[in-house]
Amino acid sequence: MGLDTQERLLIEQRISNEANNIVVAYLLLIFLGIIGAHRFYMGRTGSGVAMLILTLTVIGLPVTLIWAFVDLFLLPGMAREDREAMRQRLTTEAIARGDDDRGAPNRDPWRIDRSDRDQ
C-alpha cells in the first residue's frame, strides 16, 4: 500500500526539519575540519575519532589536512545519503502504521485506536 500526498509531504517536512544542515557541516569543516568536527556532526563518529587521533600525531596531521580537503567534495554526498536513509525509514514507518489498520485506508496517524482494548 502506498502513501498519499499528505503523508509524503509530512515525511519531507520532517526530513527538512531533522536532517543535518549542509551549511553547518561546511562551517564545521572550514573552522574545525582538521579535528573531524564535521564528521561528528554528520553522524560518522568512527571516522571523526580517527581524524581527531590522527591530528594529535605529527605524522597524521598532514593526512588529516588532505582528508579535510577531500571532505569538501564528499559532504554533499554524505548529506544526500543521510536524507535518503531518513526518507526510507520514515516511509517504512508510515507504511507499517498504515498496515496496522487491518487493510483500511491510511487514517490519521495521531488517532488512537481503542477498538482492541479489553472491556
Protein backbone atom coordinates (compact mmCIF):
# COMPACT_ATOMS: atom_id res chain seq x y z
CA MET A 1 0.00 0.00 0.00
CA GLY A 2 1.39 3.40 -0.95
CA LEU A 3 1.37 6.71 0.79
CA ASP A 4 -0.95 9.55 -0.07
CA THR A 5 0.26 13.06 -0.87
CA GLN A 6 -0.31 14.40 2.63
CA GLU A 7 1.81 11.67 4.20
CA ARG A 8 4.59 12.26 1.68
CA LEU A 9 4.54 15.98 2.44
CA LEU A 10 4.73 15.26 6.17
CA ILE A 11 7.72 13.00 5.60
CA GLU A 12 9.51 15.65 3.51
CA GLN A 13 8.77 18.27 6.17
CA ARG A 14 10.26 16.07 8.89
CA ILE A 15 13.33 15.46 6.74
CA SER A 16 13.90 19.18 6.20
CA ASN A 17 13.42 19.83 9.92
CA GLU A 18 15.50 16.97 11.32
CA ALA A 19 18.25 16.35 8.74
CA ASN A 20 21.74 17.72 9.22
CA ASN A 21 22.22 21.17 7.72
CA ILE A 22 24.86 21.19 4.99
CA VAL A 23 25.81 24.82 5.76
CA VAL A 24 26.56 23.94 9.38
CA ALA A 25 28.58 20.93 8.19
CA TYR A 26 30.65 23.14 5.87
CA LEU A 27 31.24 25.71 8.61
CA LEU A 28 32.45 22.96 10.94
CA LEU A 29 34.67 21.63 8.17
CA ILE A 30 36.18 25.03 7.46
CA PHE A 31 36.83 26.00 11.08
CA LEU A 32 37.23 22.65 12.87
CA GLY A 33 37.72 20.23 9.98
CA ILE A 34 41.19 19.20 10.98
CA ILE A 35 39.82 17.57 14.15
CA GLY A 36 36.85 15.98 12.35
CA ALA A 37 34.05 18.05 13.88
CA HIS A 38 32.04 17.91 10.65
CA ARG A 39 32.17 14.12 10.70
CA PHE A 40 30.85 14.00 14.26
CA TYR A 41 28.03 16.34 13.20
CA MET A 42 27.14 14.18 10.20
CA GLY A 43 26.93 11.10 12.43
CA ARG A 44 30.16 9.48 11.30
CA THR A 45 31.75 9.19 14.71
CA GLY A 46 34.21 6.44 13.79
CA SER A 47 35.97 8.48 11.14
CA GLY A 48 35.62 11.58 13.34
CA VAL A 49 37.53 9.84 16.11
CA ALA A 50 40.13 8.66 13.58
CA MET A 51 40.64 12.24 12.36
CA LEU A 52 40.90 13.51 15.93
CA ILE A 53 43.51 10.92 16.89
CA LEU A 54 45.48 11.43 13.66
CA THR A 55 45.53 15.18 14.23
CA LEU A 56 47.27 14.66 17.57
CA THR A 57 50.18 12.87 15.90
CA VAL A 58 52.88 14.65 13.92
CA ILE A 59 52.67 12.21 11.02
CA GLY A 60 48.86 12.21 10.97
CA LEU A 61 48.50 15.98 10.79
CA PRO A 62 49.22 16.20 7.03
CA VAL A 63 46.92 13.23 6.47
CA THR A 64 44.02 14.98 8.18
CA LEU A 65 44.68 18.15 6.21
CA ILE A 66 44.30 16.18 2.98
CA TRP A 67 41.33 14.29 4.41
CA ALA A 68 39.58 17.54 5.33
CA PHE A 69 40.21 18.91 1.83
CA VAL A 70 38.69 15.78 0.26
CA ASP A 71 35.70 16.10 2.59
CA LEU A 72 34.92 19.46 0.96
CA PHE A 73 33.74 17.41 -2.01
CA LEU A 74 32.29 14.47 -0.05
CA LEU A 75 29.96 16.44 2.25
CA PRO A 76 27.10 16.83 -0.26
CA GLY A 77 27.07 13.07 -0.83
CA MET A 78 27.08 12.40 2.92
CA ALA A 79 24.14 14.77 3.39
CA ARG A 80 22.26 13.15 0.50
CA GLU A 81 22.83 9.66 1.94
CA ASP A 82 21.58 10.77 5.36
CA ARG A 83 18.45 12.33 3.85
CA GLU A 84 17.73 9.21 1.77
CA ALA A 85 18.18 6.93 4.80
CA MET A 86 15.85 9.14 6.84
CA ARG A 87 13.30 9.22 3.99
CA GLN A 88 13.41 5.42 3.74
CA ARG A 89 12.99 4.98 7.50
CA LEU A 90 10.08 7.41 7.74
CA THR A 91 8.36 5.91 4.70
CA THR A 92 8.69 2.41 6.10
CA GLU A 93 7.27 3.56 9.43
CA ALA A 94 4.33 5.29 7.72
CA ILE A 95 3.55 2.22 5.61
CA ALA A 96 3.77 -0.04 8.67
CA ARG A 97 1.45 2.28 10.54
CA GLY A 98 -0.98 2.06 7.61
CA ASP A 99 -0.77 -1.76 7.57
CA ASP A 100 -1.65 -1.84 11.26
CA ASP A 101 -5.07 -0.51 10.31
CA ARG A 102 -6.00 -4.03 9.10
CA GLY A 103 -6.34 -3.16 5.45
CA ALA A 104 -8.29 0.04 6.00
CA PRO A 105 -7.06 3.09 4.13
CA ASN A 106 -4.42 5.12 5.93
CA ARG A 107 -6.06 7.11 8.68
CA ASP A 108 -4.88 9.99 10.81
CA PRO A 109 -1.51 8.84 12.27
CA TRP A 110 -2.23 10.68 15.52
CA ARG A 111 -5.59 8.99 16.12
CA ILE A 112 -5.63 6.43 18.93
CA ASP A 113 -7.43 3.22 18.05
CA ARG A 114 -9.23 1.98 21.14
CA SER A 115 -11.17 -0.87 19.47
CA ASP A 116 -8.66 -3.51 20.66
CA ARG A 117 -8.92 -2.66 24.35
CA ASP A 118 -10.27 -5.26 26.76
CA GLN A 119 -13.55 -4.22 28.26
